[in-house]
Amino acid sequence: MNLRTLLVLTGVIALSSCYEDKGNYSYHFDSMNKIDTLMFTPAAVEALTGKLIEFTQPLTAAETHKKIEVQVGQSLQSGLENLDFTWIASHKKNGKTINDTLTTRGYFDVNLPLGRDTTFAVLLRVYDRTTKLSRYANFHVATRPIYKNSLFFLHGQPGDVHLGNVEVVGATTKVRSDAYKVVYPTATNPFAQTYKLMFQYGLVSERRDFVKRYNLIAFQPDGNVKVYDPFGLKARFTNYRNFVLPYSSHGVFLPSVVGMVGDPSNQSDFYYLLGRDGRFVTARAIPSFKFPAATSSVPTYRVTAATITASDFLFWDEQNNRFLHVNKEDSYGIWAEQQAYDAELNNPVLDAHVDFSGLPAGLSPVGKKGLYGFIQNRENYDKAQPYFIFSDVAGTNYYLYELTSTATDDGGGGGGSSTEPAYTIKGKLLPNFTPSVTSTICYNTWFSTNYVFYADGAEVVRYNVNNGDKTVLYAAPAGYTISCMKFCSDDKFLYSGDLGRYLVIGMNRGAEGAVAQLKLNTASDVDETFAECFYDTDEEGHHLGNILDVQFVREYSYQLPIR
């Protein structure tokens, strides 16, 4: 049987990992050795291409040599002396398919290129000389950049913060307490002062140093912003001193809240950052945030909650007890990166003139604290309604406000210098709504429009805003309280896969911290088929510090669309 014939037959033979009969024999199956299993180390996992053994791209020449071992389960034998191994590696070289054959017993040596992607197919034949039968397996070997599709977290104390990482490569999970040191062993830790993370991705031009497809953004307490390629943590934006956040005569801008809606695949993604001092900045498609136009804007405001509708950025101004709005559209093109960097927004901040007089007694938002805004855009974003969650000053009672745009196709509704209401409002009390950390309140378009999520002490709660029902989805181990939580993705567009169903939870116990992850099903109950993840130590057994923030990063096309 020549090699070409063997490879053709592999498509049928290897899928079932069955035996190959080499002739007509009289078998006594109760006394015949059988190869029951082929188990690989590193473990092979199911992927779109079939079985996959994956390695991180080598960072140094010393890491280029890897070994794949196979454990052969046999019914009557325990050693490998009766077995012959044939490994056929098939790869491309100069446009041609090259097949390399090795006969090493029980292992396969792999030589990986330094710092770049590679993938090739392997066919393994295990031949039992006592039975004259063979068992087959096939799989792909591939490499990936370090930290691709992984979870970053900030941990430690202010001034001594480290960037940690949880990375799953194949069937192996690696927890690093200092992800930067893994890549740059002798460099000074650049995350020591970082207090917040953001990840931005999208289909943008990469012709300039300051615009890339994947951006891990690290906010510093002095107002500076550090931006990295998350897959390797290479620093970016060397040509532009402050590409992400604009400078202002009013002092540095320190973000406290990050918001995003839209679909990066068609550049309809919009972002806002709320500052600790009540200012805000906005961006479209690329991470270059702008202050709103000064001309024609309301003179003063202190924004504490926001959301993004189909046409507006919508804000609650706590200082003046009013809703504000800014039109989303602006003059610079989404592909004009240089123009976007230099441009100032043309759109002013306007009073939405929402009338509270029709609300029942005690339900007016005046004098209350705006905590969180969101759009229930599970089905139709253009028709979705904005919602805001408020509390009273004491944090004892919580309220939900639903706003409805008054805009019509003929241009009616508030806007510009109009004093007509841009939105109408309805409000209600949220019974038994008990977030211990209000910054953990979140909504995700993957699930029912009735549900929001928050942390209550050591528990993650799913809350039904329609009827007040509460369900505990997760309880932290004894002694821990939840400090932060984020879904792996805020959007539900095609290339996000099901990342919106994964919830990452940061928690603290004294000076120590931990990170957990759970997966929800489409009904927003805990998916029992997913093994809950909990990490409180790194690979070397060191305890993690207090968890300050978490951020999942991924390649643009996390998952291929299902046709």
Protein backbone atom coordinates (compact mmCIF):
# COMPACT_ATOMS: atom_id res chain seq x y z
CA MET A 1 0.00 0.00 0.00
CA ASN A 2 1.69 3.27 -1.08
CA LEU A 3 1.51 6.54 0.78
CA ARG A 4 -1.07 8.13 -1.52
CA THR A 5 -3.46 5.21 -1.02
CA LEU A 6 -2.87 5.26 2.70
CA LEU A 7 -3.75 8.96 2.97
CA VAL A 8 -6.92 8.54 0.92
CA LEU A 9 -8.10 5.73 3.19
CA THR A 10 -7.30 7.76 6.27
CA GLY A 11 -10.39 9.96 5.82
CA VAL A 12 -12.57 6.94 6.49
CA ILE A 13 -10.33 4.88 8.74
CA ALA A 14 -9.10 7.56 11.12
CA LEU A 15 -12.50 9.05 11.91
CA SER A 16 -13.59 5.86 13.58
CA SER A 17 -10.11 4.92 14.90
CA CYS A 18 -10.88 1.36 13.88
CA TYR A 19 -8.62 -1.61 13.26
CA GLU A 20 -7.23 -2.50 9.86
CA ASP A 21 -7.51 -6.19 8.99
CA LYS A 22 -4.28 -7.37 7.30
CA GLY A 23 -5.59 -10.76 6.16
CA ASN A 24 -7.89 -13.72 6.89
CA TYR A 25 -7.25 -15.10 10.33
CA SER A 26 -9.15 -17.20 12.83
CA TYR A 27 -9.41 -14.88 15.81
CA HIS A 28 -10.25 -15.84 19.37
CA PHE A 29 -11.32 -12.41 20.59
CA ASP A 30 -11.31 -13.30 24.28
CA SER A 31 -7.56 -14.04 24.13
CA MET A 32 -6.54 -11.39 21.56
CA ASN A 33 -4.82 -8.17 22.55
CA LYS A 34 -6.90 -5.13 21.64
CA ILE A 35 -5.82 -1.50 21.41
CA ASP A 36 -8.65 0.20 23.29
CA THR A 37 -7.56 3.85 23.37
CA LEU A 38 -4.99 6.31 22.10
CA MET A 39 -4.52 9.15 24.60
CA PHE A 40 -2.24 12.07 23.72
CA THR A 41 -0.17 14.41 25.87
CA PRO A 42 -0.72 17.33 25.38
CA ALA A 43 -4.36 16.32 25.09
CA ALA A 44 -6.16 16.61 21.78
CA VAL A 45 -9.37 18.66 21.83
CA GLU A 46 -12.24 18.91 19.37
CA ALA A 47 -11.95 21.86 16.95
CA LEU A 48 -13.54 22.92 13.68
CA THR A 49 -10.88 20.91 11.81
CA GLY A 50 -11.31 17.83 14.02
CA LYS A 51 -8.86 16.76 16.73
CA LEU A 52 -6.35 19.49 17.59
CA ILE A 53 -3.18 19.61 19.69
CA GLU A 54 -2.25 23.24 20.24
CA PHE A 55 0.91 24.94 21.47
CA THR A 56 1.72 28.53 22.32
CA GLN A 57 4.15 30.06 19.85
CA PRO A 58 7.68 29.76 21.26
CA LEU A 59 9.03 32.95 22.79
CA THR A 60 12.65 31.74 22.81
CA ALA A 61 14.72 29.26 20.81
CA ALA A 62 14.76 26.95 23.84
CA GLU A 63 10.99 26.51 23.55
CA THR A 64 10.89 25.48 19.88
CA HIS A 65 11.24 21.75 20.58
CA LYS A 66 8.07 20.04 21.79
CA LYS A 67 7.06 16.43 22.20
CA ILE A 68 3.70 14.74 21.68
CA GLU A 69 3.36 11.47 23.60
CA VAL A 70 0.71 8.83 23.14
CA GLN A 71 -0.50 6.40 25.77
CA VAL A 72 -1.82 3.19 24.19
CA GLY A 73 -4.49 1.39 26.15
CA GLN A 74 -4.33 -2.39 25.53
CA SER A 75 -6.48 -5.20 26.84
CA LEU A 76 -3.68 -7.77 27.39
CA GLN A 77 -0.42 -5.83 27.15
CA SER A 78 1.06 -3.07 29.27
CA GLY A 79 4.20 -2.12 27.35
CA LEU A 80 4.89 -0.90 23.83
CA GLU A 81 7.32 -3.65 22.76
CA ASN A 82 4.68 -5.39 20.64
CA LEU A 83 3.75 -2.17 18.83
CA ASP A 84 5.21 -0.32 15.87
CA PHE A 85 4.50 3.39 15.39
CA THR A 86 4.33 5.34 12.13
CA TRP A 87 3.81 9.11 12.33
CA ILE A 88 3.14 10.91 9.04
CA ALA A 89 3.25 14.72 9.27
CA SER A 90 1.77 16.56 6.28
CA HIS A 91 2.58 20.25 5.79
CA LYS A 92 2.94 22.86 3.08
CA LYS A 93 6.30 24.10 1.83
CA ASN A 94 6.67 26.45 -1.15
CA GLY A 95 3.13 25.64 -2.20
CA LYS A 96 3.68 21.89 -2.18
CA THR A 97 2.53 19.24 0.28
CA ILE A 98 5.42 17.57 2.09
CA ASN A 99 4.99 14.35 4.08
CA ASP A 100 7.53 13.49 6.76
CA THR A 101 7.52 10.01 8.31
CA LEU A 102 8.86 9.08 11.74
CA THR A 103 8.80 5.74 13.55
CA THR A 104 9.55 6.83 17.13
CA ARG A 105 7.92 4.53 19.67
CA GLY A 106 5.23 6.27 21.72
CA TYR A 107 6.21 9.87 20.99
CA PHE A 108 6.50 12.40 18.17
CA ASP A 109 9.05 15.23 18.19
CA VAL A 110 7.72 18.61 17.02
CA ASN A 111 9.93 21.51 16.01
CA LEU A 112 8.01 24.80 16.03
CA PRO A 113 9.01 28.08 14.37
CA LEU A 114 9.87 30.98 16.65
CA GLY A 115 7.09 33.52 17.14
CA ARG A 116 4.82 32.71 14.21
CA ASP A 117 1.80 30.61 13.34
CA THR A 118 2.13 27.09 12.03
CA THR A 119 -0.26 24.22 11.44
CA PHE A 120 0.09 20.74 9.98
CA ALA A 121 -1.74 17.43 9.98
CA VAL A 122 -0.51 14.20 11.56
CA LEU A 123 -1.59 10.63 10.87
CA LEU A 124 -0.59 8.01 13.44
CA ARG A 125 -0.64 4.28 12.75
CA VAL A 126 -0.10 1.91 15.68
CA TYR A 127 0.58 -1.65 14.45
CA ASP A 128 0.23 -4.63 16.80
CA ARG A 129 2.65 -7.35 15.67
CA THR A 130 0.87 -10.00 17.79
CA THR A 131 -2.46 -9.57 15.98
CA LYS A 132 -1.32 -8.03 12.68
CA LEU A 133 -3.92 -5.28 13.25
CA SER A 134 -3.50 -1.52 13.18
CA ARG A 135 -5.24 1.36 14.87
CA TYR A 136 -5.25 4.86 13.40
CA ALA A 137 -5.68 8.40 14.67
CA ASN A 138 -5.33 11.74 12.96
CA PHE A 139 -5.10 15.25 14.35
CA HIS A 140 -3.78 18.71 13.60
CA VAL A 141 -0.91 20.42 15.37
CA ALA A 142 -1.13 24.23 15.55
CA THR A 143 0.45 27.16 17.35
CA ARG A 144 -1.15 30.36 18.59
CA PRO A 145 0.16 33.70 19.89
CA ILE A 146 0.52 33.87 23.63
CA TYR A 147 -2.63 35.16 25.41
CA LYS A 148 -4.83 34.79 22.33
CA ASN A 149 -8.44 34.30 23.48
CA SER A 150 -7.63 34.58 27.17
CA LEU A 151 -8.61 36.37 30.35
CA PHE A 152 -6.57 39.21 31.83
CA PHE A 153 -7.05 40.50 35.35
CA LEU A 154 -5.56 43.29 37.46
CA HIS A 155 -4.58 42.24 40.95
CA GLY A 156 -2.63 43.63 43.89
CA GLN A 157 -2.72 46.98 45.64
CA PRO A 158 -2.57 50.49 44.10
CA GLY A 159 1.04 51.17 43.18
CA ASP A 160 1.84 47.45 43.13
CA VAL A 161 -0.62 46.12 40.56
CA HIS A 162 0.18 43.24 38.22
CA LEU A 163 -1.48 42.04 35.05
CA GLY A 164 -2.47 38.40 35.51
CA ASN A 165 -3.76 36.02 32.89
CA VAL A 166 -5.73 32.80 32.55
CA GLU A 167 -5.06 31.07 29.23
CA VAL A 168 -6.53 27.81 27.99
CA VAL A 169 -4.38 26.15 25.33
CA GLY A 170 -5.90 22.90 24.16
CA ALA A 171 -6.72 20.95 27.29
CA THR A 172 -4.22 22.86 29.46
CA THR A 173 -5.03 25.89 31.62
CA LYS A 174 -2.20 28.25 32.53
CA VAL A 175 -2.59 30.85 35.28
CA ARG A 176 0.08 33.57 35.42
CA SER A 177 0.20 36.18 38.14
CA ASP A 178 2.49 38.41 36.03
CA ALA A 179 1.68 38.01 32.34
CA TYR A 180 4.05 40.80 31.31
CA LYS A 181 7.04 39.18 33.00
CA VAL A 182 6.44 35.93 31.08
CA VAL A 183 7.05 37.79 27.81
CA TYR A 184 9.56 40.36 29.08
CA PRO A 185 11.41 38.72 32.01
CA THR A 186 13.75 41.63 32.78
CA ALA A 187 11.49 44.59 32.03
CA THR A 188 9.93 46.90 34.61
CA ASN A 189 6.27 46.18 35.32
CA PRO A 190 4.28 48.81 33.33
CA PHE A 191 0.97 47.95 35.03
CA ALA A 192 1.95 48.89 38.59
CA GLN A 193 -0.39 51.91 38.60
CA THR A 194 -3.13 50.56 36.29
CA TYR A 195 -6.63 50.68 37.76
CA LYS A 196 -8.90 49.72 34.84
CA LEU A 197 -8.82 47.67 31.62
CA MET A 198 -10.68 47.92 28.33
CA PHE A 199 -10.52 45.78 25.19
CA GLN A 200 -11.39 47.19 21.77
CA TYR A 201 -11.40 45.34 18.47
CA GLY A 202 -12.82 45.80 15.02
CA LEU A 203 -12.34 45.89 11.28
CA VAL A 204 -10.05 48.86 10.93
CA SER A 205 -7.12 49.76 8.74
CA GLU A 206 -3.74 48.77 10.15
CA ARG A 207 -1.71 51.07 7.95
CA ARG A 208 -0.68 53.29 10.85
CA ASP A 209 0.99 52.56 14.15
CA PHE A 210 -1.84 54.01 16.20
CA VAL A 211 -4.75 51.99 14.81
CA LYS A 212 -4.78 48.23 15.22
CA ARG A 213 -7.40 45.54 15.25
CA TYR A 214 -6.89 44.34 18.84
CA ASN A 215 -6.25 46.84 21.63
CA LEU A 216 -5.81 46.12 25.33
CA ILE A 217 -6.18 49.54 26.97
CA ALA A 218 -4.75 50.15 30.45
CA PHE A 219 -5.90 53.32 32.24
CA GLN A 220 -3.45 55.05 34.60
CA PRO A 221 -4.34 57.32 37.56
CA ASP A 222 -2.29 60.20 36.09
CA GLY A 223 -4.60 60.31 33.05
CA ASN A 224 -2.22 58.54 30.69
CA VAL A 225 -3.32 55.48 28.75
CA LYS A 226 -1.18 52.52 27.77
CA VAL A 227 -2.24 50.42 24.80
CA TYR A 228 -0.96 46.94 23.94
CA ASP A 229 -1.45 44.20 21.45
CA PRO A 230 -2.99 41.74 23.93
CA PHE A 231 -1.50 38.78 22.06
CA GLY A 232 2.07 39.28 23.24
CA LEU A 233 1.65 42.58 25.15
CA LYS A 234 3.64 44.67 22.68
CA ALA A 235 3.22 48.39 23.42
CA ARG A 236 1.55 50.53 20.74
CA PHE A 237 0.93 54.13 19.72
CA THR A 238 4.52 55.28 19.83
CA ASN A 239 3.83 58.08 17.33
CA TYR A 240 0.89 59.62 19.19
CA ARG A 241 1.37 60.59 22.82
CA ASN A 242 -2.26 60.24 23.81
CA PHE A 243 -4.32 58.68 21.08
CA VAL A 244 -7.06 57.17 23.26
CA LEU A 245 -7.98 60.06 25.56
CA PRO A 246 -7.87 63.74 24.63
CA TYR A 247 -6.12 66.36 26.72
CA SER A 248 -8.35 68.96 28.34
CA SER A 249 -7.87 72.35 29.94
CA HIS A 250 -10.04 71.04 32.76
CA GLY A 251 -7.45 68.47 33.81
CA VAL A 252 -6.87 64.77 33.28
CA PHE A 253 -9.80 62.49 32.47
CA LEU A 254 -10.02 59.35 34.62
CA PRO A 255 -12.57 56.85 33.30
CA SER A 256 -14.78 55.00 35.76
CA VAL A 257 -17.35 53.37 33.44
CA VAL A 258 -16.95 51.87 29.95
CA GLY A 259 -19.94 51.36 27.65
CA MET A 260 -20.28 49.91 24.17
CA VAL A 261 -22.96 48.87 21.70
CA GLY A 262 -22.94 47.88 18.05
CA ASP A 263 -21.29 45.53 15.61
CA PRO A 264 -17.57 45.96 14.84
CA SER A 265 -17.96 43.82 11.70
CA ASN A 266 -19.71 46.73 9.94
CA GLN A 267 -18.17 49.60 11.96
CA SER A 268 -21.43 50.39 13.75
CA ASP A 269 -19.79 50.08 17.18
CA PHE A 270 -19.96 53.09 19.50
CA TYR A 271 -18.26 53.64 22.88
CA TYR A 272 -18.42 55.98 25.84
CA LEU A 273 -16.28 56.53 28.92
CA LEU A 274 -17.71 58.19 32.00
CA GLY A 275 -15.16 60.09 34.08
CA ARG A 276 -14.85 60.11 37.83
CA ASP A 277 -15.54 63.85 37.75
CA GLY A 278 -18.79 63.60 35.76
CA ARG A 279 -17.39 64.39 32.31
CA PHE A 280 -17.67 61.94 29.44
CA VAL A 281 -16.04 61.16 26.10
CA THR A 282 -17.30 59.15 23.13
CA ALA A 283 -15.83 57.21 20.20
CA ARG A 284 -16.91 55.43 17.06
CA ALA A 285 -15.26 52.31 15.61
CA ILE A 286 -11.71 53.21 16.69
CA PRO A 287 -10.44 53.89 20.25
CA SER A 288 -9.94 57.64 19.85
CA PHE A 289 -12.29 59.27 22.35
CA LYS A 290 -13.50 62.88 22.05
CA PHE A 291 -15.10 65.44 24.30
CA PRO A 292 -18.39 66.77 22.90
CA ALA A 293 -18.48 70.12 21.18
CA ALA A 294 -18.28 73.10 23.52
CA THR A 295 -20.34 75.36 21.28
CA SER A 296 -24.11 75.14 21.91
CA SER A 297 -23.64 72.53 24.68
CA VAL A 298 -25.24 72.87 28.11
CA PRO A 299 -22.63 74.60 30.28
CA THR A 300 -22.34 72.26 33.27
CA TYR A 301 -23.16 68.67 34.09
CA ARG A 302 -22.07 65.70 36.18
CA VAL A 303 -22.89 62.46 34.38
CA THR A 304 -23.19 59.26 36.43
CA ALA A 305 -24.99 56.83 34.07
CA ALA A 306 -25.28 56.44 30.31
CA THR A 307 -26.42 54.25 27.47
CA ILE A 308 -26.36 54.36 23.67
CA THR A 309 -29.58 54.31 21.67
CA ALA A 310 -30.00 53.86 17.92
CA SER A 311 -29.54 57.61 17.44
CA ASP A 312 -28.15 59.11 20.67
CA PHE A 313 -25.76 58.86 23.53
CA LEU A 314 -28.09 59.32 26.50
CA PHE A 315 -26.86 60.45 29.95
CA TRP A 316 -28.13 61.23 33.44
CA ASP A 317 -26.86 64.54 34.78
CA GLU A 318 -26.87 64.21 38.57
CA GLN A 319 -25.82 67.82 39.10
CA ASN A 320 -28.89 69.27 37.38
CA ASN A 321 -31.33 66.32 37.71
CA ARG A 322 -31.92 65.89 33.98
CA PHE A 323 -31.27 63.60 31.03
CA LEU A 324 -28.83 64.79 28.38
CA HIS A 325 -28.25 63.51 24.86
CA VAL A 326 -25.66 63.78 22.12
CA ASN A 327 -26.31 62.73 18.56
CA LYS A 328 -24.20 59.70 17.56
CA GLU A 329 -23.35 60.81 14.06
CA ASP A 330 -20.28 62.95 13.48
CA SER A 331 -18.27 64.39 10.64
CA TYR A 332 -15.10 62.33 10.47
CA GLY A 333 -15.12 59.08 8.52
CA ILE A 334 -14.56 55.81 10.30
CA TRP A 335 -11.64 54.94 8.04
CA ALA A 336 -9.93 58.34 8.31
CA GLU A 337 -7.72 57.52 11.26
CA GLN A 338 -5.57 60.64 11.10
CA GLN A 339 -8.65 62.84 10.82
CA ALA A 340 -10.29 60.97 13.66
CA TYR A 341 -7.27 61.58 15.86
CA ASP A 342 -7.15 65.32 15.13
CA ALA A 343 -10.88 66.00 14.95
CA GLU A 344 -13.11 67.56 17.54
CA LEU A 345 -16.69 66.40 17.81
CA ASN A 346 -19.23 68.72 16.23
CA ASN A 347 -22.18 67.46 18.21
CA PRO A 348 -23.13 69.39 21.37
CA VAL A 349 -24.54 68.14 24.68
CA LEU A 350 -28.26 68.93 24.76
CA ASP A 351 -30.92 68.84 27.43
CA ALA A 352 -33.39 66.06 26.56
CA HIS A 353 -36.14 68.03 28.39
CA VAL A 354 -37.65 64.86 29.84
CA ASP A 355 -40.77 65.78 31.83
CA PHE A 356 -41.01 64.06 35.23
CA SER A 357 -44.32 65.60 36.27
CA GLY A 358 -46.36 62.63 35.10
CA LEU A 359 -44.57 60.14 37.33
CA PRO A 360 -46.35 58.92 40.49
CA ALA A 361 -45.41 60.50 43.81
CA GLY A 362 -41.99 59.43 45.03
CA LEU A 363 -40.87 58.10 41.64
CA SER A 364 -39.29 61.22 40.20
CA PRO A 365 -35.54 60.71 39.55
CA VAL A 366 -34.85 64.18 40.94
CA GLY A 367 -32.52 63.84 43.93
CA LYS A 368 -31.75 60.20 43.21
CA LYS A 369 -28.49 58.60 42.03
CA GLY A 370 -28.22 57.35 38.46
CA LEU A 371 -26.28 54.07 38.57
CA TYR A 372 -26.56 52.20 35.29
CA GLY A 373 -28.03 52.65 31.80
CA PHE A 374 -28.70 50.00 29.18
CA ILE A 375 -30.58 49.29 25.97
CA GLN A 376 -32.77 46.19 25.76
CA ASN A 377 -31.65 45.39 22.22
CA ARG A 378 -31.98 41.61 22.08
CA GLU A 379 -34.13 41.60 18.94
CA ASN A 380 -34.35 45.02 17.25
CA TYR A 381 -31.82 47.64 18.25
CA ASP A 382 -33.46 50.42 16.22
CA LYS A 383 -36.70 49.99 18.19
CA ALA A 384 -35.13 49.18 21.57
CA GLN A 385 -35.90 51.29 24.61
CA PRO A 386 -33.26 52.79 26.94
CA TYR A 387 -33.48 51.97 30.65
CA PHE A 388 -31.80 53.47 33.71
CA ILE A 389 -31.40 52.06 37.20
CA PHE A 390 -31.35 54.58 40.06
CA SER A 391 -31.11 54.43 43.84
CA ASP A 392 -32.10 56.81 46.57
CA VAL A 393 -29.30 58.65 48.34
CA ALA A 394 -29.14 56.07 51.14
CA GLY A 395 -28.90 53.18 48.68
CA THR A 396 -31.93 51.55 50.29
CA ASN A 397 -34.41 51.66 47.41
CA TYR A 398 -33.78 51.14 43.72
CA TYR A 399 -35.79 52.28 40.73
CA LEU A 400 -36.11 51.45 37.02
CA TYR A 401 -36.87 54.15 34.44
CA GLU A 402 -37.89 53.41 30.86
CA LEU A 403 -37.49 56.16 28.29
CA THR A 404 -39.27 56.30 24.94
CA SER A 405 -38.07 58.52 22.11
CA THR A 406 -40.50 61.12 20.82
CA ALA A 407 -38.70 61.34 17.47
CA THR A 408 -40.80 60.73 14.36
CA ASP A 409 -39.95 60.09 10.74
CA ASP A 410 -40.78 63.72 9.89
CA GLY A 411 -38.24 65.04 12.37
CA GLY A 412 -40.54 65.60 15.34
CA GLY A 413 -39.36 65.31 18.92
CA GLY A 414 -36.84 67.21 20.99
CA GLY A 415 -33.47 68.11 19.56
CA GLY A 416 -31.25 71.07 18.75
CA SER A 417 -32.59 74.13 20.49
CA SER A 418 -36.03 72.59 20.91
CA THR A 419 -37.58 72.61 24.37
CA GLU A 420 -39.87 69.72 23.47
CA PRO A 421 -39.14 66.46 25.32
CA ALA A 422 -36.84 64.14 23.35
CA TYR A 423 -38.08 61.24 25.49
CA THR A 424 -41.03 60.37 27.66
CA ILE A 425 -40.48 58.45 30.90
CA LYS A 426 -42.05 55.72 33.03
CA GLY A 427 -40.69 54.60 36.38
CA LYS A 428 -41.18 51.98 39.06
CA LEU A 429 -39.68 50.67 42.28
CA LEU A 430 -37.47 47.56 42.01
CA PRO A 431 -38.44 45.39 44.98
CA ASN A 432 -35.72 43.39 46.77
CA PHE A 433 -32.99 44.74 44.48
CA THR A 434 -29.82 44.42 46.60
CA PRO A 435 -26.47 45.03 44.85
CA SER A 436 -23.57 45.25 47.28
CA VAL A 437 -21.30 46.71 44.58
CA THR A 438 -23.35 48.88 42.23
CA SER A 439 -20.60 48.89 39.59
CA THR A 440 -21.28 45.17 39.02
CA ILE A 441 -24.83 45.81 37.70
CA CYS A 442 -24.88 44.64 34.09
CA TYR A 443 -27.13 43.58 31.25
CA ASN A 444 -26.29 41.29 28.34
CA THR A 445 -28.16 41.01 25.05
CA TRP A 446 -27.72 37.23 25.01
CA PHE A 447 -30.51 36.82 27.54
CA SER A 448 -34.08 37.83 28.20
CA THR A 449 -34.71 41.57 28.16
CA ASN A 450 -36.17 41.17 31.66
CA TYR A 451 -32.89 40.21 33.32
CA VAL A 452 -30.06 42.22 34.84
CA PHE A 453 -27.20 40.78 36.87
CA TYR A 454 -25.32 42.06 39.91
CA ALA A 455 -23.16 41.02 42.85
CA ASP A 456 -24.68 40.81 46.32
CA GLY A 457 -21.87 40.11 48.76
CA ALA A 458 -20.58 36.65 47.81
CA GLU A 459 -23.37 35.90 45.33
CA VAL A 460 -24.07 36.61 41.67
CA VAL A 461 -27.76 37.41 41.29
CA ARG A 462 -29.98 37.34 38.21
CA TYR A 463 -32.81 39.81 38.73
CA ASN A 464 -36.08 40.02 36.77
CA VAL A 465 -36.91 43.72 36.41
CA ASN A 466 -40.51 42.87 35.46
CA ASN A 467 -41.56 40.97 38.58
CA GLY A 468 -38.67 41.29 41.04
CA ASP A 469 -37.75 37.59 41.06
CA LYS A 470 -34.17 36.82 42.09
CA THR A 471 -32.05 33.77 41.29
CA VAL A 472 -28.59 33.12 42.74
CA LEU A 473 -26.36 31.91 39.90
CA TYR A 474 -23.10 31.65 41.82
CA ALA A 475 -21.89 31.71 45.42
CA ALA A 476 -18.23 32.44 46.11
CA PRO A 477 -16.25 30.22 48.50
CA ALA A 478 -16.39 31.04 52.20
CA GLY A 479 -14.84 34.36 53.14
CA TYR A 480 -14.85 35.89 49.64
CA THR A 481 -16.85 38.90 48.50
CA ILE A 482 -17.30 39.78 44.83
CA SER A 483 -15.44 42.90 43.69
CA CYS A 484 -16.10 42.99 39.94
CA MET A 485 -17.65 40.97 37.13
CA LYS A 486 -17.94 41.17 33.34
CA PHE A 487 -19.32 39.03 30.56
CA CYS A 488 -16.62 37.94 28.10
CA SER A 489 -18.41 39.92 25.41
CA ASP A 490 -21.02 42.68 25.54
CA ASP A 491 -22.22 42.16 22.00
CA LYS A 492 -24.08 39.40 20.21
CA PHE A 493 -22.87 39.85 16.64
CA LEU A 494 -22.07 36.86 14.48
CA TYR A 495 -18.33 36.58 15.05
CA SER A 496 -18.55 36.71 18.85
CA GLY A 497 -19.56 33.08 19.10
CA ASP A 498 -21.27 32.49 22.44
CA LEU A 499 -18.85 34.61 24.51
CA GLY A 500 -21.74 36.64 25.92
CA ARG A 501 -22.80 33.58 27.89
CA TYR A 502 -19.54 33.43 29.89
CA LEU A 503 -19.42 35.51 33.06
CA VAL A 504 -16.07 36.30 34.71
CA ILE A 505 -16.13 37.09 38.43
CA GLY A 506 -13.41 38.75 40.52
CA MET A 507 -13.51 38.31 44.31
CA ASN A 508 -11.41 39.11 47.36
CA ARG A 509 -10.76 37.66 50.80
CA GLY A 510 -8.52 39.87 52.89
CA ALA A 511 -5.41 40.64 50.83
CA GLU A 512 -5.97 37.65 48.53
CA GLY A 513 -8.07 37.41 45.40
CA ALA A 514 -9.55 34.86 43.03
CA VAL A 515 -11.13 34.73 39.59
CA ALA A 516 -14.03 32.47 38.65
CA GLN A 517 -15.93 31.83 35.44
CA LEU A 518 -19.30 30.29 34.76
CA LYS A 519 -21.32 29.77 31.62
CA LEU A 520 -25.03 30.45 31.26
CA ASN A 521 -27.39 28.71 28.87
CA THR A 522 -29.72 30.62 26.58
CA ALA A 523 -32.35 30.71 29.33
CA SER A 524 -29.72 32.46 31.52
CA ASP A 525 -29.53 29.57 33.96
CA VAL A 526 -26.15 28.06 34.82
CA ASP A 527 -25.01 25.71 32.05
CA GLU A 528 -24.34 22.51 33.98
CA THR A 529 -22.32 21.03 31.09
CA PHE A 530 -19.59 23.64 31.65
CA ALA A 531 -17.19 22.95 34.50
CA GLU A 532 -17.09 25.99 36.75
CA CYS A 533 -13.60 27.54 36.86
CA PHE A 534 -11.98 28.99 39.98
CA TYR A 535 -8.41 30.30 40.22
CA ASP A 536 -6.79 31.67 43.37
CA THR A 537 -3.13 30.73 42.74
CA ASP A 538 -0.82 30.89 39.74
CA GLU A 539 1.16 28.03 38.17
CA GLU A 540 3.84 28.32 40.84
CA GLY A 541 1.36 28.18 43.71
CA HIS A 542 1.51 31.89 44.59
CA HIS A 543 -1.74 33.43 45.80
CA LEU A 544 -3.32 36.11 43.66
CA GLY A 545 -3.72 39.62 45.07
CA ASN A 546 -6.96 41.58 45.33
CA ILE A 547 -8.80 41.53 42.00
CA LEU A 548 -9.33 45.07 40.70
CA ASP A 549 -10.67 44.38 37.20
CA VAL A 550 -11.10 41.57 34.66
CA GLN A 551 -11.07 41.65 30.85
CA PHE A 552 -11.40 38.87 28.28
CA VAL A 553 -9.53 39.42 24.99
CA ARG A 554 -10.08 37.57 21.74
CA GLU A 555 -9.26 37.53 18.09
CA TYR A 556 -11.76 39.30 15.83
CA SER A 557 -13.34 36.14 14.44
CA TYR A 558 -13.67 34.19 17.64
CA GLN A 559 -15.93 31.71 15.92
CA LEU A 560 -16.75 31.04 12.29
CA PRO A 561 -20.37 31.68 11.33
CA ILE A 562 -22.60 28.62 11.09
CA ARG A 563 -23.92 28.28 7.57
